[in-house]
Amino acid sequence: MSTVTLRPWQRAAFDLFRATTGPDYLAVATPGAGKTTFALTCARAALADENRPLIVVAPTSHLKVQWSRAAHRMGLQLDPDWSPGDGLARDVHGLVTTYQQLAMGSAAKKLAGLSAEAFVILDEIHHAGHEKAWGDGVRKSFGHAHKRLSLSGTPFRSDAAQIPFVRYDNTAEGELAHADYTYGYADALRDGGVVRPVYFPRVDGEMEWTSASGDTISANFQDELTKDQASMRLRTALSLEGEWMPAVLKKANDQLRLIRAEQRDAGGLVIATDQDHAQQIAILLRDRFGVPADVVVSDDPGASKKIAEFSDNDRPWLVSVRMVSEGVDIPRLRVGVFATTTSTELFFRQAVGRFVRWQAGRTSQKAYVYIPDDPRLRAHAFTIAEARRHVLRPPGKGDDDDFQPDGGLENQVHEDDMEQLSLFAVVASTATDITMHTVGEDGKHQDGMALDGMSFEMNFSPADLGMVAYDDEPDPPEPFFSDDPALGLDLAEIPTPAGLIAHGSMSVAEIKDDLRTRNAHVAKRLVDVTGWTHASVQSEMNNLAGVARVASATNEQLARRLRYAESWLRRLQR
């Protein structure tokens, strides 16, 4: 018997999950609230009832490893390196895969057979609607699964293709996903000790560019533009060919330096448009402002390791594209720059979620995400900041009756991935003012919104940006502590997989990596001593140990293979 202590929302969601008789359950909880712990608690309880395989679907390869490690801490062993050619190894309780992998026909067919009696966790389930192939892969793989627990950090609405295993309700805003349990950002702030309050300094500017037709256009973020023009305006601001981005980066770096005076390991994150953009930003931070910046891109095979290292060290800046938009746990992030043309509400919320994770033992935990004062991003920031403001400083009655956060431009500014911008060219960009919104002493909105802790406008040049304090709102309430025994959940032990090799705090996946590395090292030495080909040495090592394929071998088999190979090497060296 082992005991896990749950937060109140986790316990409430767990109790409701256990009472749900159908195959599907959707939990929507704000980033940083503890969705992983909740889901693995549900899995532990289910596997204790009946010995079932556990299958987790994660958005990225990095998160496969993260899920495997989290499961290990809960007494569950998951294989993050599973491939369609493998069955389920005997020394694990289950496996972790990705939505992208499910789009492969071979993977979907294999998992369809494995999942008939499985407990399935679908992390960030909205990814199943990312591409039709991903949704089809989820349906084919888990249409007959015993139980499906879907998770999301973001409320989401349907587009043309509904997400598998999610029920939708017809509302005035369209079809909205129906969650069995919802724990929002405002709920988490109210509880205290769960998430940070996030503030959004919004930076305007004067942008100038040459359109595809050859016209030179000038505009700031307050000007009403067509869809294409609004996209070009945002691209112009984010381009390193102008001075808007350098000015914003200086402002953000100054803010981070101020925070690091109190919290030495506080970090910043820039979410860039693409890989080239990310590299240019890192160079600018280094050359102009004298601060190092780590770059993480999805093509880098060492990306997961770099993120883990950045999470544990005290380097100031991380620059990435999409890899750290969700699911990545870097609690020390305190300052962000949203420097991408991806402007959907879903992506914006996911990005902001990287800054909300609470750090125990710290007093002031405010986080700041600098954004272009683009109408669409302004609207997204408003929805998040309103939730925060309603908790930290209740608004005056009727403040929002006439408020329209996007100035009527929401329908004009769409995702620009399909736009033809080959003839578009940046001419110049300059930051002009930075605005944070508040509620005045009379309870009325200043500047038409109630986004953030202080309202001001200031003209500045990139050379003389000064520091501005954004700290007039209170910190969240103290963390919730309770002696309520209902929050302590006793979980029955689950069967130990056959052939499991325990090694301290190392998970099955970590032990497997170690054993594979050691096997490869011995194989190389045997090639040198015998003069055989690498393939011949590997085949003989398999024969000696009775292993069919290294890729599907259990840790017990890999350990036996290593022992036989080392014995063979010792005999040859005598």
Protein backbone atom coordinates (compact mmCIF):
# COMPACT_ATOMS: atom_id res chain seq x y z
CA MET A 1 0.00 0.00 0.00
CA SER A 2 1.33 3.46 -0.90
CA THR A 3 -0.13 6.88 -0.23
CA VAL A 4 -0.35 9.87 -2.58
CA THR A 5 -1.41 13.30 -1.35
CA LEU A 6 -3.66 15.07 -3.83
CA ARG A 7 -4.68 18.67 -4.20
CA PRO A 8 -8.39 19.30 -3.59
CA TRP A 9 -9.18 19.51 -7.30
CA GLN A 10 -7.24 16.32 -8.02
CA ARG A 11 -9.14 14.42 -5.33
CA ALA A 12 -12.50 15.75 -6.55
CA ALA A 13 -11.65 14.87 -10.16
CA PHE A 14 -10.38 11.42 -9.08
CA ASP A 15 -13.54 10.64 -7.13
CA LEU A 16 -15.67 11.68 -10.11
CA PHE A 17 -13.52 9.58 -12.45
CA ARG A 18 -13.97 6.50 -10.28
CA ALA A 19 -17.72 7.05 -10.28
CA THR A 20 -17.88 7.39 -14.08
CA THR A 21 -19.01 4.16 -15.72
CA GLY A 22 -18.51 5.03 -19.38
CA PRO A 23 -15.28 4.47 -21.31
CA ASP A 24 -14.38 8.17 -21.63
CA TYR A 25 -13.45 10.92 -19.19
CA LEU A 26 -12.10 14.39 -20.08
CA ALA A 27 -10.30 16.54 -17.52
CA VAL A 28 -9.35 20.12 -18.42
CA ALA A 29 -6.94 21.71 -15.96
CA THR A 30 -4.73 24.76 -16.22
CA PRO A 31 -1.02 24.12 -16.90
CA GLY A 32 0.93 23.55 -13.71
CA ALA A 33 -2.08 22.22 -11.79
CA GLY A 34 -0.88 18.60 -11.74
CA LYS A 35 -2.68 16.79 -14.58
CA THR A 36 0.05 14.17 -14.80
CA THR A 37 -0.21 13.23 -11.11
CA PHE A 38 -4.00 13.10 -11.38
CA ALA A 39 -3.92 10.85 -14.46
CA LEU A 40 -1.32 8.46 -13.05
CA THR A 41 -3.28 8.22 -9.80
CA CYS A 42 -6.33 7.16 -11.82
CA ALA A 43 -4.17 4.65 -13.70
CA ARG A 44 -2.68 3.23 -10.49
CA ALA A 45 -6.13 2.70 -9.03
CA ALA A 46 -7.42 1.06 -12.23
CA LEU A 47 -4.42 -1.26 -12.60
CA ALA A 48 -4.71 -2.29 -8.96
CA ASP A 49 -8.31 -3.33 -9.64
CA GLU A 50 -7.38 -5.35 -12.72
CA ASN A 51 -4.03 -6.12 -14.27
CA ARG A 52 -4.21 -4.10 -17.49
CA PRO A 53 -1.62 -2.56 -19.81
CA LEU A 54 -1.21 1.22 -19.55
CA ILE A 55 -0.78 3.22 -22.76
CA VAL A 56 0.04 6.95 -22.69
CA VAL A 57 -0.09 9.16 -25.80
CA ALA A 58 2.01 12.34 -25.54
CA PRO A 59 2.33 15.31 -27.93
CA THR A 60 6.14 15.11 -28.35
CA SER A 61 9.05 12.71 -28.04
CA HIS A 62 10.44 14.77 -25.17
CA LEU A 63 7.24 14.26 -23.23
CA LYS A 64 7.43 10.50 -23.74
CA VAL A 65 10.50 10.49 -21.52
CA GLN A 66 8.88 12.90 -19.05
CA TRP A 67 5.81 10.67 -18.73
CA SER A 68 8.00 7.61 -18.24
CA ARG A 69 9.88 9.28 -15.40
CA ALA A 70 6.69 10.54 -13.74
CA ALA A 71 5.16 7.07 -13.96
CA HIS A 72 8.24 5.56 -12.36
CA ARG A 73 7.81 7.85 -9.37
CA MET A 74 4.26 6.46 -9.06
CA GLY A 75 5.44 2.84 -9.19
CA LEU A 76 4.57 2.34 -12.86
CA GLN A 77 7.10 1.32 -15.52
CA LEU A 78 6.46 2.66 -19.03
CA ASP A 79 8.55 2.09 -22.14
CA PRO A 80 9.13 5.42 -23.96
CA ASP A 81 11.03 3.75 -26.82
CA TRP A 82 8.25 1.48 -28.06
CA SER A 83 8.03 0.96 -31.81
CA PRO A 84 5.38 -0.76 -33.96
CA GLY A 85 7.69 -3.72 -34.52
CA ASP A 86 7.68 -4.49 -30.80
CA GLY A 87 5.10 -6.04 -28.59
CA LEU A 88 4.75 -5.00 -24.97
CA ALA A 89 7.90 -5.98 -23.07
CA ARG A 90 7.43 -8.22 -20.04
CA ASP A 91 9.29 -5.89 -17.68
CA VAL A 92 6.98 -2.87 -18.08
CA HIS A 93 3.39 -2.00 -17.22
CA GLY A 94 2.89 -0.25 -20.52
CA LEU A 95 4.27 2.18 -23.05
CA VAL A 96 4.34 5.82 -24.16
CA THR A 97 3.84 6.84 -27.76
CA THR A 98 3.03 10.06 -29.66
CA TYR A 99 0.13 11.27 -31.79
CA GLN A 100 2.50 11.47 -34.74
CA GLN A 101 3.45 7.83 -34.28
CA LEU A 102 -0.24 6.85 -34.23
CA ALA A 103 -0.59 8.29 -37.74
CA MET A 104 1.57 5.40 -38.95
CA GLY A 105 -0.65 2.56 -40.07
CA SER A 106 1.59 -0.08 -38.51
CA ALA A 107 1.51 1.62 -35.10
CA ALA A 108 -2.28 2.04 -35.12
CA LYS A 109 -2.77 -1.62 -36.08
CA LYS A 110 -0.41 -2.87 -33.36
CA LEU A 111 -1.93 -0.62 -30.66
CA ALA A 112 -5.48 -1.56 -31.65
CA GLY A 113 -4.60 -5.10 -30.60
CA LEU A 114 -2.83 -4.03 -27.41
CA SER A 115 -5.47 -1.52 -26.29
CA ALA A 116 -8.56 -3.74 -26.18
CA GLU A 117 -8.03 -4.28 -22.44
CA ALA A 118 -5.85 -1.22 -21.84
CA PHE A 119 -6.13 1.90 -19.74
CA VAL A 120 -5.30 4.74 -22.15
CA ILE A 121 -4.20 8.27 -21.20
CA LEU A 122 -4.45 10.81 -24.03
CA ASP A 123 -2.34 13.80 -22.99
CA GLU A 124 -3.28 17.14 -24.56
CA ILE A 125 -6.05 15.43 -26.53
CA HIS A 126 -6.65 18.50 -28.70
CA HIS A 127 -3.65 17.33 -30.74
CA ALA A 128 -5.87 14.61 -32.15
CA GLY A 129 -7.50 17.35 -34.21
CA HIS A 130 -4.21 18.84 -35.39
CA GLU A 131 -4.24 16.86 -38.58
CA LYS A 132 -6.83 14.45 -39.89
CA ALA A 133 -4.24 11.65 -39.89
CA TRP A 134 -3.65 12.16 -36.19
CA GLY A 135 -7.33 11.93 -35.36
CA ASP A 136 -7.74 8.86 -37.55
CA GLY A 137 -4.74 7.25 -35.85
CA VAL A 138 -6.28 7.83 -32.40
CA ARG A 139 -9.62 6.33 -33.50
CA LYS A 140 -8.01 3.27 -35.08
CA SER A 141 -5.68 2.68 -32.14
CA PHE A 142 -8.08 3.15 -29.23
CA GLY A 143 -11.60 2.84 -30.54
CA HIS A 144 -12.06 -0.35 -28.50
CA ALA A 145 -9.91 0.54 -25.46
CA HIS A 146 -11.26 -0.42 -22.07
CA LYS A 147 -10.89 3.09 -20.60
CA ARG A 148 -9.79 6.40 -22.11
CA LEU A 149 -8.72 9.29 -19.86
CA SER A 150 -8.26 12.45 -21.94
CA LEU A 151 -6.38 15.49 -20.66
CA SER A 152 -6.08 19.07 -21.84
CA GLY A 153 -4.60 22.23 -20.39
CA THR A 154 -6.78 24.42 -22.57
CA PRO A 155 -10.52 24.65 -23.14
CA PHE A 156 -11.04 24.08 -26.83
CA ARG A 157 -13.80 24.33 -29.41
CA SER A 158 -14.47 22.19 -32.42
CA ASP A 159 -13.38 23.02 -35.93
CA ALA A 160 -14.43 21.04 -38.99
CA ALA A 161 -13.00 17.83 -37.57
CA GLN A 162 -14.11 16.92 -34.07
CA ILE A 163 -11.62 15.35 -31.72
CA PRO A 164 -12.08 11.62 -31.04
CA PHE A 165 -13.65 10.51 -27.75
CA VAL A 166 -14.68 14.07 -26.82
CA ARG A 167 -18.32 15.07 -26.38
CA TYR A 168 -19.35 18.51 -27.68
CA ASP A 169 -22.08 20.86 -26.52
CA ASN A 170 -23.80 23.31 -28.85
CA THR A 171 -23.37 26.87 -27.53
CA ALA A 172 -23.68 30.38 -28.85
CA GLU A 173 -19.89 30.34 -29.36
CA GLY A 174 -20.03 27.16 -31.41
CA GLU A 175 -19.43 23.57 -30.42
CA LEU A 176 -17.43 23.44 -27.21
CA ALA A 177 -15.78 20.38 -25.75
CA HIS A 178 -17.66 19.02 -22.75
CA ALA A 179 -15.26 18.33 -19.88
CA ASP A 180 -16.19 15.98 -17.07
CA TYR A 181 -14.04 18.10 -14.74
CA THR A 182 -12.64 21.60 -15.26
CA TYR A 183 -10.05 23.36 -13.11
CA GLY A 184 -9.30 26.75 -14.57
CA TYR A 185 -6.57 29.32 -14.11
CA ALA A 186 -8.73 31.45 -11.82
CA ASP A 187 -9.52 28.39 -9.68
CA ALA A 188 -5.82 27.63 -9.32
CA LEU A 189 -4.94 31.22 -8.41
CA ARG A 190 -7.70 31.25 -5.83
CA ASP A 191 -6.41 28.06 -4.17
CA GLY A 192 -2.90 29.50 -3.87
CA GLY A 193 0.37 27.66 -4.27
CA VAL A 194 -0.67 26.14 -7.59
CA VAL A 195 0.07 28.69 -10.33
CA ARG A 196 1.64 32.12 -10.75
CA PRO A 197 -0.12 35.30 -11.81
CA VAL A 198 1.00 36.23 -15.32
CA TYR A 199 1.17 39.83 -16.59
CA PHE A 200 1.23 40.91 -20.22
CA PRO A 201 3.25 44.02 -21.15
CA ARG A 202 1.97 44.81 -24.66
CA VAL A 203 4.34 46.64 -26.99
CA ASP A 204 3.12 48.81 -29.86
CA GLY A 205 5.32 50.06 -32.68
CA GLU A 206 5.61 51.77 -36.04
CA MET A 207 6.08 49.19 -38.77
CA GLU A 208 6.88 49.74 -42.44
CA TRP A 209 7.03 47.08 -45.13
CA THR A 210 6.77 46.51 -48.86
CA SER A 211 3.79 44.39 -49.89
CA ALA A 212 3.67 41.80 -52.65
CA SER A 213 2.22 44.45 -54.96
CA GLY A 214 5.20 46.71 -54.35
CA ASP A 215 3.39 49.23 -52.16
CA THR A 216 5.11 50.58 -49.06
CA ILE A 217 2.76 50.44 -46.06
CA SER A 218 3.21 51.96 -42.59
CA ALA A 219 1.06 51.07 -39.60
CA ASN A 220 1.04 50.55 -35.87
CA PHE A 221 -0.89 47.90 -33.96
CA GLN A 222 -3.83 50.22 -33.39
CA ASP A 223 -4.53 50.67 -37.11
CA GLU A 224 -7.29 48.62 -38.68
CA LEU A 225 -5.89 46.49 -41.52
CA THR A 226 -6.91 43.68 -43.81
CA LYS A 227 -6.01 40.11 -42.91
CA ASP A 228 -2.91 40.04 -45.11
CA GLN A 229 -1.77 43.48 -43.98
CA ALA A 230 -2.19 42.56 -40.30
CA SER A 231 -0.07 39.46 -40.89
CA MET A 232 2.65 41.50 -42.59
CA ARG A 233 2.57 44.05 -39.76
CA LEU A 234 3.21 41.31 -37.20
CA ARG A 235 5.95 39.75 -39.31
CA THR A 236 7.60 43.14 -39.67
CA ALA A 237 7.61 43.71 -35.92
CA LEU A 238 9.10 40.27 -35.24
CA SER A 239 11.79 40.56 -37.91
CA LEU A 240 15.33 41.13 -36.69
CA GLU A 241 15.83 43.54 -39.61
CA GLY A 242 14.02 46.26 -37.67
CA GLU A 243 14.37 47.63 -34.15
CA TRP A 244 11.08 46.44 -32.63
CA MET A 245 12.41 43.04 -31.58
CA PRO A 246 15.71 44.36 -30.17
CA ALA A 247 13.78 46.92 -28.10
CA VAL A 248 11.43 44.30 -26.71
CA LEU A 249 14.26 41.88 -25.98
CA LYS A 250 16.11 44.63 -24.10
CA LYS A 251 13.01 45.38 -22.06
CA ALA A 252 12.46 41.70 -21.27
CA ASN A 253 16.12 41.16 -20.40
CA ASP A 254 16.06 44.17 -18.08
CA GLN A 255 12.99 42.72 -16.36
CA LEU A 256 14.68 39.34 -16.01
CA ARG A 257 17.81 40.94 -14.59
CA LEU A 258 15.69 42.68 -11.99
CA ILE A 259 14.05 39.40 -10.98
CA ARG A 260 17.36 37.52 -10.94
CA ALA A 261 18.63 39.99 -8.34
CA GLU A 262 16.20 38.23 -5.97
CA GLN A 263 15.97 34.83 -7.62
CA ARG A 264 19.36 33.88 -8.99
CA ASP A 265 18.13 31.07 -11.24
CA ALA A 266 15.14 32.90 -12.75
CA GLY A 267 14.96 32.23 -16.48
CA GLY A 268 13.45 33.69 -19.62
CA LEU A 269 11.96 32.07 -22.70
CA VAL A 270 11.59 33.51 -26.20
CA ILE A 271 9.15 31.66 -28.44
CA ALA A 272 10.41 32.30 -31.96
CA THR A 273 8.74 31.99 -35.35
CA ASP A 274 11.07 29.39 -36.88
CA GLN A 275 14.50 27.87 -36.40
CA ASP A 276 16.41 30.60 -38.23
CA HIS A 277 14.54 33.23 -36.23
CA ALA A 278 15.44 31.41 -32.99
CA GLN A 279 19.14 31.34 -33.89
CA GLN A 280 19.12 35.05 -34.79
CA ILE A 281 17.46 35.97 -31.49
CA ALA A 282 20.07 33.99 -29.54
CA ILE A 283 22.87 35.78 -31.39
CA LEU A 284 21.26 39.16 -30.70
CA LEU A 285 20.91 38.42 -26.98
CA ARG A 286 24.56 37.43 -26.87
CA ASP A 287 26.10 40.13 -29.04
CA ARG A 288 23.98 43.17 -28.16
CA PHE A 289 23.02 42.49 -24.55
CA GLY A 290 25.87 40.23 -23.43
CA VAL A 291 23.71 37.36 -22.16
CA PRO A 292 23.98 33.72 -23.23
CA ALA A 293 20.96 31.99 -24.71
CA ASP A 294 20.36 28.29 -25.30
CA VAL A 295 18.51 27.33 -28.49
CA VAL A 296 16.26 24.28 -28.68
CA VAL A 297 14.67 23.19 -31.95
CA SER A 298 12.73 20.08 -32.81
CA ASP A 299 15.29 18.80 -35.34
CA ASP A 300 17.97 18.60 -32.66
CA PRO A 301 18.31 14.98 -31.43
CA GLY A 302 19.55 16.33 -28.11
CA ALA A 303 16.58 18.68 -27.61
CA SER A 304 15.10 16.79 -24.66
CA LYS A 305 18.44 16.77 -22.90
CA LYS A 306 18.92 20.51 -23.50
CA ILE A 307 15.50 21.31 -22.02
CA ALA A 308 16.22 19.15 -18.97
CA GLU A 309 19.61 20.83 -18.50
CA PHE A 310 18.12 24.31 -18.81
CA SER A 311 15.46 23.42 -16.26
CA ASP A 312 18.16 22.42 -13.75
CA ASN A 313 20.77 25.14 -14.35
CA ASP A 314 20.73 28.93 -13.89
CA ARG A 315 21.37 30.15 -17.45
CA PRO A 316 19.23 33.20 -18.25
CA TRP A 317 17.59 32.56 -21.63
CA LEU A 318 16.11 29.75 -23.67
CA VAL A 319 14.99 30.33 -27.27
CA SER A 320 12.74 27.81 -28.96
CA VAL A 321 10.06 27.46 -31.61
CA ARG A 322 7.25 25.07 -30.72
CA MET A 323 8.92 22.47 -28.55
CA VAL A 324 8.24 24.16 -25.25
CA SER A 325 4.69 25.25 -25.99
CA GLU A 326 3.20 22.68 -23.65
CA GLY A 327 3.99 19.94 -21.23
CA VAL A 328 7.54 21.06 -20.51
CA ASP A 329 8.25 21.67 -16.85
CA ILE A 330 10.66 24.59 -16.27
CA PRO A 331 9.40 26.19 -13.04
CA ARG A 332 12.09 28.87 -12.98
CA LEU A 333 10.73 30.66 -16.06
CA ARG A 334 9.66 34.18 -15.02
CA VAL A 335 9.91 36.28 -18.21
CA GLY A 336 8.78 35.47 -21.72
CA VAL A 337 8.68 37.05 -25.16
CA PHE A 338 5.96 35.86 -27.53
CA ALA A 339 7.78 36.35 -30.83
CA THR A 340 5.94 34.00 -33.15
CA THR A 341 3.41 34.55 -35.93
CA THR A 342 1.33 31.64 -34.61
CA SER A 343 -1.52 33.54 -33.01
CA THR A 344 -4.24 30.99 -32.28
CA GLU A 345 -5.77 31.11 -28.82
CA LEU A 346 -4.85 27.48 -28.19
CA PHE A 347 -1.16 28.00 -28.90
CA PHE A 348 -1.08 31.27 -26.95
CA ARG A 349 -2.56 29.63 -23.86
CA GLN A 350 -0.13 26.73 -24.15
CA ALA A 351 2.80 29.13 -24.41
CA VAL A 352 1.65 31.15 -21.40
CA GLY A 353 1.31 27.88 -19.52
CA ARG A 354 5.11 27.57 -19.47
CA PHE A 355 5.26 30.52 -17.05
CA VAL A 356 2.58 29.64 -14.52
CA ARG A 357 4.21 26.78 -12.66
CA TRP A 358 4.53 27.50 -8.95
CA GLN A 359 7.85 27.23 -7.11
CA ALA A 360 7.53 26.20 -3.48
CA GLY A 361 9.30 28.37 -0.95
CA ARG A 362 9.26 31.60 -2.96
CA THR A 363 7.28 34.68 -1.99
CA SER A 364 6.77 36.91 -5.03
CA GLN A 365 6.14 34.77 -8.10
CA LYS A 366 4.81 37.15 -10.74
CA ALA A 367 5.67 36.28 -14.33
CA TYR A 368 5.74 38.60 -17.36
CA VAL A 369 5.11 37.68 -20.98
CA TYR A 370 5.88 40.45 -23.49
CA ILE A 371 3.60 40.38 -26.52
CA PRO A 372 3.07 42.48 -29.65
CA ASP A 373 0.03 44.71 -29.18
CA ASP A 374 -1.60 42.86 -32.05
CA PRO A 375 -5.43 42.77 -31.84
CA ARG A 376 -5.64 39.01 -31.76
CA LEU A 377 -2.93 38.51 -29.15
CA ARG A 378 -4.40 41.40 -27.16
CA ALA A 379 -7.72 39.55 -27.03
CA HIS A 380 -6.07 36.29 -25.94
CA ALA A 381 -4.14 38.06 -23.18
CA PHE A 382 -7.29 39.76 -22.00
CA THR A 383 -9.12 36.47 -21.38
CA ILE A 384 -6.26 35.15 -19.24
CA ALA A 385 -5.62 38.40 -17.40
CA GLU A 386 -9.32 38.85 -16.63
CA ALA A 387 -9.33 35.49 -14.85
CA ARG A 388 -6.32 36.59 -12.83
CA ARG A 389 -7.76 40.01 -12.03
CA HIS A 390 -11.08 38.60 -10.84
CA VAL A 391 -9.15 36.59 -8.24
CA LEU A 392 -6.48 39.06 -7.17
CA ARG A 393 -8.53 42.25 -7.40
CA PRO A 394 -12.30 41.92 -7.90
CA PRO A 395 -13.59 44.29 -10.59
CA GLY A 396 -16.22 46.92 -10.18
CA LYS A 397 -19.75 45.85 -11.01
CA GLY A 398 -20.54 46.08 -14.69
CA ASP A 399 -17.02 47.03 -15.78
CA ASP A 400 -17.00 44.78 -18.80
CA ASP A 401 -20.45 45.41 -20.26
CA ASP A 402 -19.25 47.27 -23.32
CA PHE A 403 -15.77 45.87 -23.66
CA GLN A 404 -14.61 44.37 -26.97
CA PRO A 405 -11.01 43.19 -26.58
CA ASP A 406 -10.15 42.86 -30.24
CA GLY A 407 -11.51 46.18 -31.47
CA GLY A 408 -13.67 44.32 -33.99
CA LEU A 409 -10.67 42.93 -35.86
CA GLU A 410 -10.86 39.32 -34.69
CA ASN A 411 -12.43 38.19 -37.94
CA GLN A 412 -9.86 40.00 -40.01
CA VAL A 413 -6.75 38.47 -38.49
CA HIS A 414 -6.48 34.74 -39.09
CA GLU A 415 -3.76 32.13 -38.97
CA ASP A 416 -1.35 33.02 -41.70
CA ASP A 417 0.24 29.69 -42.52
CA MET A 418 -1.42 29.57 -45.94
CA GLU A 419 -0.54 33.10 -46.98
CA GLN A 420 1.69 33.77 -49.94
CA LEU A 421 4.29 36.19 -48.63
CA SER A 422 7.21 35.52 -50.95
CA LEU A 423 7.30 39.12 -52.17
CA PHE A 424 6.80 40.64 -48.73
CA ALA A 425 9.79 42.63 -47.46
CA VAL A 426 10.51 44.35 -44.15
CA VAL A 427 11.50 48.02 -44.42
CA ALA A 428 11.65 49.15 -40.77
CA SER A 429 10.10 48.65 -37.35
CA THR A 430 10.38 50.69 -34.17
CA ALA A 431 8.87 50.10 -30.73
CA THR A 432 6.86 53.13 -29.64
CA ASP A 433 5.11 52.41 -26.36
CA ILE A 434 4.37 49.70 -23.87
CA THR A 435 1.03 49.39 -22.12
CA MET A 436 -0.28 47.54 -19.14
CA HIS A 437 -3.90 47.92 -18.16
CA THR A 438 -5.55 48.15 -14.80
CA VAL A 439 -8.64 49.14 -12.90
CA GLY A 440 -8.53 52.69 -11.51
CA GLU A 441 -9.39 53.70 -8.00
CA ASP A 442 -12.93 54.39 -9.12
CA GLY A 443 -13.28 50.83 -10.31
CA LYS A 444 -13.40 51.85 -13.96
CA HIS A 445 -11.17 50.48 -16.68
CA GLN A 446 -8.33 52.65 -17.81
CA ASP A 447 -7.37 52.51 -21.47
CA GLY A 448 -10.50 50.48 -22.17
CA MET A 449 -9.31 47.23 -20.59
CA ALA A 450 -8.43 45.65 -17.32
CA LEU A 451 -5.53 43.46 -18.17
CA ASP A 452 -2.72 44.12 -15.83
CA GLY A 453 -1.41 45.67 -12.73
CA MET A 454 -0.60 49.16 -13.87
CA SER A 455 -1.63 51.44 -16.69
CA PHE A 456 0.94 53.56 -18.43
CA GLU A 457 2.12 54.58 -21.83
CA MET A 458 5.59 55.76 -22.49
CA ASN A 459 7.55 56.57 -25.59
CA PHE A 460 11.00 55.15 -25.63
CA SER A 461 13.90 54.49 -27.90
CA PRO A 462 15.75 51.21 -27.95
CA ALA A 463 18.68 52.94 -26.30
CA ASP A 464 16.97 54.23 -23.19
CA LEU A 465 14.32 51.74 -22.12
CA GLY A 466 13.98 51.98 -18.37
CA MET A 467 12.57 49.61 -15.77
CA VAL A 468 8.94 49.82 -14.80
CA ALA A 469 7.42 48.05 -11.83
CA TYR A 470 4.30 46.01 -12.44
CA ASP A 471 3.67 44.99 -8.87
CA ASP A 472 0.65 46.87 -7.62
CA GLU A 473 -1.60 43.78 -7.59
CA PRO A 474 -1.31 41.42 -4.65
CA ASP A 475 0.34 38.03 -4.85
CA PRO A 476 -1.92 34.97 -4.93
CA PRO A 477 -3.18 33.61 -1.61
CA GLU A 478 -0.94 31.41 0.46
CA PRO A 479 -0.70 27.77 -0.62
CA PHE A 480 -3.54 25.55 0.44
CA PHE A 481 -2.63 23.26 3.31
CA SER A 482 -5.03 20.86 4.90
CA ASP A 483 -5.03 18.03 7.37
CA ASP A 484 -8.07 16.63 5.64
CA PRO A 485 -7.45 12.88 5.36
CA ALA A 486 -9.65 12.82 2.27
CA LEU A 487 -6.75 14.38 0.33
CA GLY A 488 -4.45 11.49 1.23
CA LEU A 489 -5.25 8.54 -1.04
CA ASP A 490 -4.08 5.01 -0.25
CA LEU A 491 -3.30 3.10 -3.44
CA ALA A 492 -3.03 -0.66 -3.52
CA GLU A 493 0.17 -2.11 -4.88
CA ILE A 494 0.12 -3.30 -8.45
CA PRO A 495 1.77 -6.46 -9.77
CA THR A 496 5.49 -6.19 -10.47
CA PRO A 497 6.25 -6.89 -14.13
CA ALA A 498 8.07 -10.12 -14.87
CA GLY A 499 11.81 -9.72 -15.22
CA LEU A 500 11.84 -6.21 -13.76
CA ILE A 501 15.31 -5.06 -12.75
CA ALA A 502 15.15 -2.49 -9.97
CA HIS A 503 18.00 -0.02 -9.71
CA GLY A 504 17.48 2.65 -7.11
CA SER A 505 15.74 5.69 -8.53
CA MET A 506 16.31 4.70 -12.16
CA SER A 507 13.25 3.90 -14.25
CA VAL A 508 13.03 0.92 -16.59
CA ALA A 509 13.68 3.28 -19.52
CA GLU A 510 16.80 4.75 -17.90
CA ILE A 511 18.13 1.28 -17.02
CA LYS A 512 17.47 0.18 -20.60
CA ASP A 513 19.42 3.13 -22.01
CA ASP A 514 22.33 2.30 -19.72
CA LEU A 515 22.32 -1.40 -20.64
CA ARG A 516 22.08 -0.68 -24.37
CA THR A 517 25.03 1.74 -24.12
CA ARG A 518 27.11 -0.83 -22.24
CA ASN A 519 26.16 -3.58 -24.71
CA ALA A 520 27.22 -1.35 -27.61
CA HIS A 521 30.56 -0.58 -25.93
CA VAL A 522 31.37 -4.26 -25.41
CA ALA A 523 30.33 -5.04 -28.99
CA LYS A 524 32.77 -2.43 -30.31
CA ARG A 525 35.59 -3.93 -28.26
CA LEU A 526 34.71 -7.41 -29.55
CA VAL A 527 34.86 -6.15 -33.15
CA ASP A 528 38.38 -4.83 -32.48
CA VAL A 529 39.56 -8.08 -30.84
CA THR A 530 37.93 -10.63 -33.17
CA GLY A 531 38.19 -8.82 -36.49
CA TRP A 532 34.56 -9.77 -37.14
CA THR A 533 32.03 -7.42 -38.67
CA HIS A 534 29.80 -5.47 -36.32
CA ALA A 535 26.74 -7.39 -37.54
CA SER A 536 28.44 -10.74 -36.87
CA VAL A 537 29.41 -9.73 -33.32
CA GLN A 538 25.89 -8.51 -32.56
CA SER A 539 24.39 -11.74 -33.91
CA GLU A 540 26.70 -13.87 -31.78
CA MET A 541 25.90 -11.81 -28.66
CA ASN A 542 22.19 -12.41 -29.32
CA ASN A 543 22.76 -16.14 -29.80
CA LEU A 544 24.74 -16.46 -26.58
CA ALA A 545 22.04 -14.70 -24.55
CA GLY A 546 19.01 -16.11 -26.36
CA VAL A 547 17.85 -12.67 -27.46
CA ALA A 548 15.90 -12.34 -30.71
CA ARG A 549 16.12 -8.53 -31.16
CA VAL A 550 17.87 -5.93 -29.02
CA ALA A 551 15.09 -3.41 -29.75
CA SER A 552 12.45 -5.61 -28.07
CA ALA A 553 14.66 -7.16 -25.36
CA THR A 554 13.73 -6.70 -21.72
CA ASN A 555 16.23 -5.23 -19.30
CA GLU A 556 16.73 -8.71 -17.85
CA GLN A 557 17.64 -9.99 -21.32
CA LEU A 558 19.93 -7.03 -21.99
CA ALA A 559 21.70 -7.64 -18.68
CA ARG A 560 22.17 -11.33 -19.55
CA ARG A 561 23.44 -10.36 -23.03
CA LEU A 562 25.96 -8.00 -21.44
CA ARG A 563 27.21 -10.70 -19.01
CA TYR A 564 27.73 -13.24 -21.82
CA ALA A 565 29.48 -10.68 -24.04
CA GLU A 566 31.82 -9.57 -21.24
CA SER A 567 32.65 -13.23 -20.51
CA TRP A 568 33.39 -13.81 -24.21
CA LEU A 569 35.65 -10.73 -24.29
CA ARG A 570 37.54 -11.85 -21.16
CA ARG A 571 38.24 -15.28 -22.72
CA LEU A 572 39.60 -13.69 -25.89
CA GLN A 573 41.88 -11.36 -23.94
CA ARG A 574 43.56 -14.06 -21.85
